[in-house]
Amino acid sequence: LSAWLLHARRGKGSSTEVFFFTHESGLVRAFCSQGRRSHMRATLQPFTPLWLTLKTKHYGVYADKVEVKAPAKLLAGEQMFAGLYLNELLYRMLKPEAAEPRLYALYEYSIDGLLSVKTPEALQQLLRRFEFKLIDFLGYGVSFTRESEHSTPILPHQSYEFNPNAGFTISDEGLQGTDILAIAAGKLDTKSALKTAKYIMRIAIDNILEGAEIYTRVLYQTQLKGRTNA
């Protein structure tokens, strides 16, 4: 299988529990009996394209062979945190062993994109586009061109409220139709549209995860706080 490591944690005994995102089988949860050995720890790194061979035993799925397929994508700083965030979304939101070749291609495109972003705005745009497409792939998408109650078109100068289970409803105040329509068109080049997209995606993802904490968010905020205090 062609694979990327999304997450690894200590398993039973000397094994490591690993979550791979594969082209052929989607999300795969497996155990690696040599996961704590130095050569395997060096291989089991995020952002490294892998070849993966699995074996199914009566007590679970095991990574029989794991080999590096191509050089690692050397993400650092904010790009690294962004990549870890994408990884966490995938291993917590995908259903096991459901092939998603289009999503796999989107993930690879996004990881490559993180290597080339030059500004905080470009980084945020990349993350928001990934989130929108991920939610659509998973069947949680809503219309960004029509309001939910009467299916009338979203109007540029009207305000709306967002419900992650239904979509947008007319409101006296709230999100501006101009920004909603810009998001629908994939135009996140204004501060207002980008801020609105971040707000909508946070509500939508928190709803899917039923309010569970996203650890990379917490880690990133801790890092920011540490820099401020320093």
C-alpha atoms as a PDB file:
ATOM      1  CA  LEU A   1       0.000   0.000   0.000  1.00  0.00           C
ATOM      2  CA  SER A   2       1.027   3.611  -0.559  1.00  0.00           C
ATOM      3  CA  ALA A   3       0.729   5.271   2.827  1.00  0.00           C
ATOM      4  CA  TRP A   4       1.361   8.224   5.098  1.00  0.00           C
ATOM      5  CA  LEU A   5       1.669   7.975   8.869  1.00  0.00           C
ATOM      6  CA  LEU A   6      -1.012  10.047  10.570  1.00  0.00           C
ATOM      7  CA  HIS A   7      -0.524   9.115  14.219  1.00  0.00           C
ATOM      8  CA  ALA A   8       1.426   6.702  16.408  1.00  0.00           C
ATOM      9  CA  ARG A   9       1.078   5.850  20.075  1.00  0.00           C
ATOM     10  CA  ARG A  10       2.317   3.240  22.495  1.00  0.00           C
ATOM     11  CA  GLY A  11       0.534  -0.092  22.154  1.00  0.00           C
ATOM     12  CA  LYS A  12       0.519  -3.187  24.310  1.00  0.00           C
ATOM     13  CA  GLY A  13       3.825  -4.726  25.283  1.00  0.00           C
ATOM     14  CA  SER A  14       6.582  -3.610  22.931  1.00  0.00           C
ATOM     15  CA  SER A  15       4.309  -2.726  20.011  1.00  0.00           C
ATOM     16  CA  THR A  16       3.283   0.655  18.626  1.00  0.00           C
ATOM     17  CA  GLU A  17      -0.267   1.424  17.521  1.00  0.00           C
ATOM     18  CA  VAL A  18      -0.204   3.305  14.228  1.00  0.00           C
ATOM     19  CA  PHE A  19      -2.760   5.017  12.028  1.00  0.00           C
ATOM     20  CA  PHE A  20      -1.915   5.130   8.328  1.00  0.00           C
ATOM     21  CA  PHE A  21      -3.706   6.957   5.521  1.00  0.00           C
ATOM     22  CA  THR A  22      -3.447   4.745   2.460  1.00  0.00           C
ATOM     23  CA  HIS A  23      -4.388   5.247  -1.169  1.00  0.00           C
ATOM     24  CA  GLU A  24      -5.874   1.770  -1.513  1.00  0.00           C
ATOM     25  CA  SER A  25      -7.722   1.307   1.800  1.00  0.00           C
ATOM     26  CA  GLY A  26      -8.142   4.752   3.339  1.00  0.00           C
ATOM     27  CA  LEU A  27      -7.567   4.917   7.085  1.00  0.00           C
ATOM     28  CA  VAL A  28      -5.824   1.827   8.460  1.00  0.00           C
ATOM     29  CA  ARG A  29      -5.222   1.127  12.148  1.00  0.00           C
ATOM     30  CA  ALA A  30      -2.451  -1.379  12.741  1.00  0.00           C
ATOM     31  CA  PHE A  31       0.199  -2.472  15.214  1.00  0.00           C
ATOM     32  CA  CYS A  32       3.926  -2.449  14.582  1.00  0.00           C
ATOM     33  CA  SER A  33       5.830  -4.942  16.729  1.00  0.00           C
ATOM     34  CA  GLN A  34       9.151  -3.181  16.050  1.00  0.00           C
ATOM     35  CA  GLY A  35       7.769   0.313  16.432  1.00  0.00           C
ATOM     36  CA  ARG A  36      10.032   1.231  19.345  1.00  0.00           C
ATOM     37  CA  ARG A  37      13.282   0.196  17.698  1.00  0.00           C
ATOM     38  CA  SER A  38      15.425   3.068  16.501  1.00  0.00           C
ATOM     39  CA  HIS A  39      15.352   2.169  12.801  1.00  0.00           C
ATOM     40  CA  MET A  40      11.553   1.854  12.818  1.00  0.00           C
ATOM     41  CA  ARG A  41      11.067   5.058  14.814  1.00  0.00           C
ATOM     42  CA  ALA A  42      13.091   6.814  12.133  1.00  0.00           C
ATOM     43  CA  THR A  43      10.775   5.381   9.461  1.00  0.00           C
ATOM     44  CA  LEU A  44       7.502   6.006  11.275  1.00  0.00           C
ATOM     45  CA  GLN A  45       7.555   9.769  10.873  1.00  0.00           C
ATOM     46  CA  PRO A  46       4.805  12.090   9.635  1.00  0.00           C
ATOM     47  CA  PHE A  47       5.053  13.634   6.176  1.00  0.00           C
ATOM     48  CA  THR A  48       7.112  10.705   4.837  1.00  0.00           C
ATOM     49  CA  PRO A  49       5.706   8.746   1.853  1.00  0.00           C
ATOM     50  CA  LEU A  50       5.746   5.042   2.745  1.00  0.00           C
ATOM     51  CA  TRP A  51       5.304   1.573   1.290  1.00  0.00           C
ATOM     52  CA  LEU A  52       3.277  -0.582   3.666  1.00  0.00           C
ATOM     53  CA  THR A  53       2.590  -4.320   3.836  1.00  0.00           C
ATOM     54  CA  LEU A  54      -0.069  -5.533   6.279  1.00  0.00           C
ATOM     55  CA  LYS A  55      -0.817  -8.903   7.805  1.00  0.00           C
ATOM     56  CA  THR A  56      -4.078  -9.778   9.515  1.00  0.00           C
ATOM     57  CA  LYS A  57      -3.797 -12.019  12.540  1.00  0.00           C
ATOM     58  CA  HIS A  58      -6.518 -13.287  14.824  1.00  0.00           C
ATOM     59  CA  TYR A  59      -5.724 -10.510  17.325  1.00  0.00           C
ATOM     60  CA  GLY A  60      -5.464  -7.605  14.899  1.00  0.00           C
ATOM     61  CA  VAL A  61      -3.822  -6.013  11.861  1.00  0.00           C
ATOM     62  CA  TYR A  62      -0.026  -5.736  11.879  1.00  0.00           C
ATOM     63  CA  ALA A  63       2.371  -3.683   9.784  1.00  0.00           C
ATOM     64  CA  ASP A  64       4.552  -6.460   8.410  1.00  0.00           C
ATOM     65  CA  LYS A  65       6.858  -4.177   6.392  1.00  0.00           C
ATOM     66  CA  VAL A  66       7.201  -0.405   6.388  1.00  0.00           C
ATOM     67  CA  GLU A  67       9.618   1.216   3.947  1.00  0.00           C
ATOM     68  CA  VAL A  68      10.351   4.788   2.953  1.00  0.00           C
ATOM     69  CA  LYS A  69       8.998   5.442  -0.533  1.00  0.00           C
ATOM     70  CA  ALA A  70      10.396   8.932  -1.114  1.00  0.00           C
ATOM     71  CA  PRO A  71      12.174  11.654   0.882  1.00  0.00           C
ATOM     72  CA  ALA A  72      10.222  13.203   3.729  1.00  0.00           C
ATOM     73  CA  LYS A  73       8.477  16.543   3.305  1.00  0.00           C
ATOM     74  CA  LEU A  74      10.535  18.768   5.586  1.00  0.00           C
ATOM     75  CA  LEU A  75       7.881  20.865   7.280  1.00  0.00           C
ATOM     76  CA  ALA A  76       8.890  23.171  10.121  1.00  0.00           C
ATOM     77  CA  GLY A  77       7.373  25.852  12.310  1.00  0.00           C
ATOM     78  CA  GLU A  78       3.792  26.823  11.488  1.00  0.00           C
ATOM     79  CA  GLN A  79       3.760  24.582   8.410  1.00  0.00           C
ATOM     80  CA  MET A  80       4.574  21.593  10.623  1.00  0.00           C
ATOM     81  CA  PHE A  81       1.744  22.404  13.033  1.00  0.00           C
ATOM     82  CA  ALA A  82      -0.609  22.797  10.058  1.00  0.00           C
ATOM     83  CA  GLY A  83       0.432  19.387   8.705  1.00  0.00           C
ATOM     84  CA  LEU A  84      -0.092  17.750  12.098  1.00  0.00           C
ATOM     85  CA  TYR A  85      -3.532  19.367  12.216  1.00  0.00           C
ATOM     86  CA  LEU A  86      -4.452  17.837   8.848  1.00  0.00           C
ATOM     87  CA  ASN A  87      -3.226  14.460  10.112  1.00  0.00           C
ATOM     88  CA  GLU A  88      -5.348  14.709  13.246  1.00  0.00           C
ATOM     89  CA  LEU A  89      -8.466  15.618  11.300  1.00  0.00           C
ATOM     90  CA  LEU A  90      -8.024  12.563   9.081  1.00  0.00           C
ATOM     91  CA  TYR A  91      -7.361   9.937  11.731  1.00  0.00           C
ATOM     92  CA  ARG A  92     -10.183  11.212  13.936  1.00  0.00           C
ATOM     93  CA  MET A  93     -12.804  11.826  11.250  1.00  0.00           C
ATOM     94  CA  LEU A  94     -12.333   9.078   8.652  1.00  0.00           C
ATOM     95  CA  LYS A  95     -14.026   5.700   8.856  1.00  0.00           C
ATOM     96  CA  PRO A  96     -11.536   2.802   8.910  1.00  0.00           C
ATOM     97  CA  GLU A  97     -10.701   1.029   5.662  1.00  0.00           C
ATOM     98  CA  ALA A  98     -12.885   3.104   3.353  1.00  0.00           C
ATOM     99  CA  ALA A  99     -10.860   3.990   0.256  1.00  0.00           C
ATOM    100  CA  GLU A 100     -10.834   7.722  -0.500  1.00  0.00           C
ATOM    101  CA  PRO A 101      -8.504   8.189  -3.499  1.00  0.00           C
ATOM    102  CA  ARG A 102      -9.656  11.772  -4.159  1.00  0.00           C
ATOM    103  CA  LEU A 103      -9.102  12.693  -0.526  1.00  0.00           C
ATOM    104  CA  TYR A 104      -5.719  10.972  -0.611  1.00  0.00           C
ATOM    105  CA  ALA A 105      -4.761  13.128  -3.602  1.00  0.00           C
ATOM    106  CA  LEU A 106      -6.026  16.238  -1.785  1.00  0.00           C
ATOM    107  CA  TYR A 107      -3.909  15.360   1.252  1.00  0.00           C
ATOM    108  CA  GLU A 108      -0.749  14.961  -0.844  1.00  0.00           C
ATOM    109  CA  TYR A 109      -1.498  18.211  -2.679  1.00  0.00           C
ATOM    110  CA  SER A 110      -2.006  20.027   0.644  1.00  0.00           C
ATOM    111  CA  ILE A 111       1.198  18.682   2.211  1.00  0.00           C
ATOM    112  CA  ASP A 112       3.154  19.802  -0.871  1.00  0.00           C
ATOM    113  CA  GLY A 113       1.354  23.143  -0.653  1.00  0.00           C
ATOM    114  CA  LEU A 114       2.524  23.642   2.934  1.00  0.00           C
ATOM    115  CA  LEU A 115       6.109  23.556   1.695  1.00  0.00           C
ATOM    116  CA  SER A 116       5.531  26.553  -0.545  1.00  0.00           C
ATOM    117  CA  VAL A 117       3.250  28.888   1.456  1.00  0.00           C
ATOM    118  CA  LYS A 118       4.951  32.198   2.158  1.00  0.00           C
ATOM    119  CA  THR A 119       2.445  34.121   4.273  1.00  0.00           C
ATOM    120  CA  PRO A 120       0.128  33.402   7.228  1.00  0.00           C
ATOM    121  CA  GLU A 121      -2.827  34.233   4.970  1.00  0.00           C
ATOM    122  CA  ALA A 122      -1.769  31.653   2.377  1.00  0.00           C
ATOM    123  CA  LEU A 123      -1.401  29.050   5.118  1.00  0.00           C
ATOM    124  CA  GLN A 124      -4.877  29.785   6.463  1.00  0.00           C
ATOM    125  CA  GLN A 125      -6.353  29.611   2.966  1.00  0.00           C
ATOM    126  CA  LEU A 126      -4.807  26.178   2.413  1.00  0.00           C
ATOM    127  CA  LEU A 127      -6.187  24.867   5.711  1.00  0.00           C
ATOM    128  CA  ARG A 128      -9.682  26.205   5.088  1.00  0.00           C
ATOM    129  CA  ARG A 129      -9.837  24.680   1.593  1.00  0.00           C
ATOM    130  CA  PHE A 130      -8.746  21.312   2.964  1.00  0.00           C
ATOM    131  CA  GLU A 131     -11.372  21.465   5.724  1.00  0.00           C
ATOM    132  CA  PHE A 132     -14.170  22.346   3.297  1.00  0.00           C
ATOM    133  CA  LYS A 133     -13.303  19.528   0.929  1.00  0.00           C
ATOM    134  CA  LEU A 134     -12.850  17.030   3.765  1.00  0.00           C
ATOM    135  CA  ILE A 135     -16.289  17.833   5.161  1.00  0.00           C
ATOM    136  CA  ASP A 136     -17.833  17.506   1.713  1.00  0.00           C
ATOM    137  CA  PHE A 137     -16.110  14.142   1.150  1.00  0.00           C
ATOM    138  CA  LEU A 138     -17.520  12.911   4.464  1.00  0.00           C
ATOM    139  CA  GLY A 139     -21.071  13.970   3.565  1.00  0.00           C
ATOM    140  CA  TYR A 140     -21.397  16.861   6.043  1.00  0.00           C
ATOM    141  CA  GLY A 141     -21.368  19.658   3.484  1.00  0.00           C
ATOM    142  CA  VAL A 142     -24.130  22.287   3.308  1.00  0.00           C
ATOM    143  CA  SER A 143     -25.109  24.777   0.615  1.00  0.00           C
ATOM    144  CA  PHE A 144     -23.194  28.048   0.539  1.00  0.00           C
ATOM    145  CA  THR A 145     -25.387  29.515  -2.199  1.00  0.00           C
ATOM    146  CA  ARG A 146     -28.892  28.946  -0.768  1.00  0.00           C
ATOM    147  CA  GLU A 147     -30.347  29.459   2.681  1.00  0.00           C
ATOM    148  CA  SER A 148     -31.656  26.331   4.367  1.00  0.00           C
ATOM    149  CA  GLU A 149     -35.274  27.136   5.283  1.00  0.00           C
ATOM    150  CA  HIS A 150     -36.725  28.162   1.909  1.00  0.00           C
ATOM    151  CA  SER A 151     -33.826  27.408  -0.452  1.00  0.00           C
ATOM    152  CA  THR A 152     -33.727  31.028  -1.604  1.00  0.00           C
ATOM    153  CA  PRO A 153     -30.394  32.364  -2.894  1.00  0.00           C
ATOM    154  CA  ILE A 154     -27.859  33.749  -0.420  1.00  0.00           C
ATOM    155  CA  LEU A 155     -27.901  37.537  -0.898  1.00  0.00           C
ATOM    156  CA  PRO A 156     -24.697  39.609  -0.676  1.00  0.00           C
ATOM    157  CA  HIS A 157     -26.052  42.261   1.712  1.00  0.00           C
ATOM    158  CA  GLN A 158     -28.115  39.935   3.929  1.00  0.00           C
ATOM    159  CA  SER A 159     -26.886  38.563   7.289  1.00  0.00           C
ATOM    160  CA  TYR A 160     -27.082  34.857   8.167  1.00  0.00           C
ATOM    161  CA  GLU A 161     -26.614  32.423  11.024  1.00  0.00           C
ATOM    162  CA  PHE A 162     -24.828  29.115  10.483  1.00  0.00           C
ATOM    163  CA  ASN A 163     -26.113  25.745  11.690  1.00  0.00           C
ATOM    164  CA  PRO A 164     -23.678  22.897  10.946  1.00  0.00           C
ATOM    165  CA  ASN A 165     -26.524  20.412  10.586  1.00  0.00           C
ATOM    166  CA  ALA A 166     -28.620  22.513   8.212  1.00  0.00           C
ATOM    167  CA  GLY A 167     -26.777  25.458   6.727  1.00  0.00           C
ATOM    168  CA  PHE A 168     -27.509  29.191   6.690  1.00  0.00           C
ATOM    169  CA  THR A 169     -30.643  30.980   7.870  1.00  0.00           C
ATOM    170  CA  ILE A 170     -31.511  34.667   7.566  1.00  0.00           C
ATOM    171  CA  SER A 171     -30.684  36.715  10.655  1.00  0.00           C
ATOM    172  CA  ASP A 172     -30.732  40.377  11.718  1.00  0.00           C
ATOM    173  CA  GLU A 173     -26.995  40.120  12.347  1.00  0.00           C
ATOM    174  CA  GLY A 174     -24.272  37.564  11.858  1.00  0.00           C
ATOM    175  CA  LEU A 175     -22.298  36.358   8.837  1.00  0.00           C
ATOM    176  CA  GLN A 176     -22.402  38.516   5.737  1.00  0.00           C
ATOM    177  CA  GLY A 177     -23.794  37.056   2.526  1.00  0.00           C
ATOM    178  CA  THR A 178     -20.886  38.583   0.604  1.00  0.00           C
ATOM    179  CA  ASP A 179     -18.410  36.457   2.559  1.00  0.00           C
ATOM    180  CA  ILE A 180     -20.518  33.301   2.293  1.00  0.00           C
ATOM    181  CA  LEU A 181     -20.725  33.650  -1.478  1.00  0.00           C
ATOM    182  CA  ALA A 182     -16.989  34.352  -1.682  1.00  0.00           C
ATOM    183  CA  ILE A 183     -16.333  31.103   0.209  1.00  0.00           C
ATOM    184  CA  ALA A 184     -18.673  29.246  -2.157  1.00  0.00           C
ATOM    185  CA  ALA A 185     -16.588  30.535  -5.070  1.00  0.00           C
ATOM    186  CA  GLY A 186     -13.329  29.539  -3.361  1.00  0.00           C
ATOM    187  CA  LYS A 187     -12.261  33.173  -2.995  1.00  0.00           C
ATOM    188  CA  LEU A 188     -10.589  33.522   0.391  1.00  0.00           C
ATOM    189  CA  ASP A 189      -8.405  36.505  -0.504  1.00  0.00           C
ATOM    190  CA  THR A 190     -10.098  39.016   1.825  1.00  0.00           C
ATOM    191  CA  LYS A 191      -9.643  39.137   5.599  1.00  0.00           C
ATOM    192  CA  SER A 192     -13.393  39.104   6.111  1.00  0.00           C
ATOM    193  CA  ALA A 193     -14.016  35.981   3.985  1.00  0.00           C
ATOM    194  CA  LEU A 194     -11.059  34.162   5.552  1.00  0.00           C
ATOM    195  CA  LYS A 195     -12.232  35.005   9.077  1.00  0.00           C
ATOM    196  CA  THR A 196     -15.763  33.843   8.224  1.00  0.00           C
ATOM    197  CA  ALA A 197     -14.444  30.599   6.729  1.00  0.00           C
ATOM    198  CA  LYS A 198     -12.414  29.871   9.870  1.00  0.00           C
ATOM    199  CA  TYR A 199     -15.471  30.512  12.066  1.00  0.00           C
ATOM    200  CA  ILE A 200     -17.702  28.242   9.966  1.00  0.00           C
ATOM    201  CA  MET A 201     -15.168  25.425   9.778  1.00  0.00           C
ATOM    202  CA  ARG A 202     -14.498  25.469  13.507  1.00  0.00           C
ATOM    203  CA  ILE A 203     -18.218  25.107  14.252  1.00  0.00           C
ATOM    204  CA  ALA A 204     -18.643  22.374  11.618  1.00  0.00           C
ATOM    205  CA  ILE A 205     -15.623  20.323  12.762  1.00  0.00           C
ATOM    206  CA  ASP A 206     -16.451  20.677  16.449  1.00  0.00           C
ATOM    207  CA  ASN A 207     -19.957  19.453  15.634  1.00  0.00           C
ATOM    208  CA  ILE A 208     -18.641  16.375  13.791  1.00  0.00           C
ATOM    209  CA  LEU A 209     -16.250  15.581  16.655  1.00  0.00           C
ATOM    210  CA  GLU A 210     -19.033  16.257  19.187  1.00  0.00           C
ATOM    211  CA  GLY A 211     -17.003  18.906  20.962  1.00  0.00           C
ATOM    212  CA  ALA A 212     -13.919  16.737  21.503  1.00  0.00           C
ATOM    213  CA  GLU A 213     -10.715  18.716  21.829  1.00  0.00           C
ATOM    214  CA  ILE A 214      -8.347  18.908  18.865  1.00  0.00           C
ATOM    215  CA  TYR A 215      -4.920  18.403  20.379  1.00  0.00           C
ATOM    216  CA  THR A 216      -2.914  20.154  17.683  1.00  0.00           C
ATOM    217  CA  ARG A 217      -4.945  23.310  18.314  1.00  0.00           C
ATOM    218  CA  VAL A 218      -4.059  23.124  22.006  1.00  0.00           C
ATOM    219  CA  LEU A 219      -0.385  22.437  21.278  1.00  0.00           C
ATOM    220  CA  TYR A 220      -0.196  25.340  18.838  1.00  0.00           C
ATOM    221  CA  GLN A 221      -1.857  27.739  21.275  1.00  0.00           C
ATOM    222  CA  THR A 222       0.576  26.596  24.002  1.00  0.00           C
ATOM    223  CA  GLN A 223       3.499  27.321  21.688  1.00  0.00           C
ATOM    224  CA  LEU A 224       2.129  30.778  20.889  1.00  0.00           C
ATOM    225  CA  LYS A 225       1.669  31.515  24.584  1.00  0.00           C
ATOM    226  CA  GLY A 226       5.230  30.396  25.295  1.00  0.00           C
ATOM    227  CA  ARG A 227       6.592  32.740  22.630  1.00  0.00           C
ATOM    228  CA  THR A 228       4.568  35.646  24.050  1.00  0.00           C
ATOM    229  CA  ASN A 229       5.792  34.981  27.599  1.00  0.00           C
ATOM    230  CA  ALA A 230       9.371  34.713  26.383  1.00  0.00           C
END
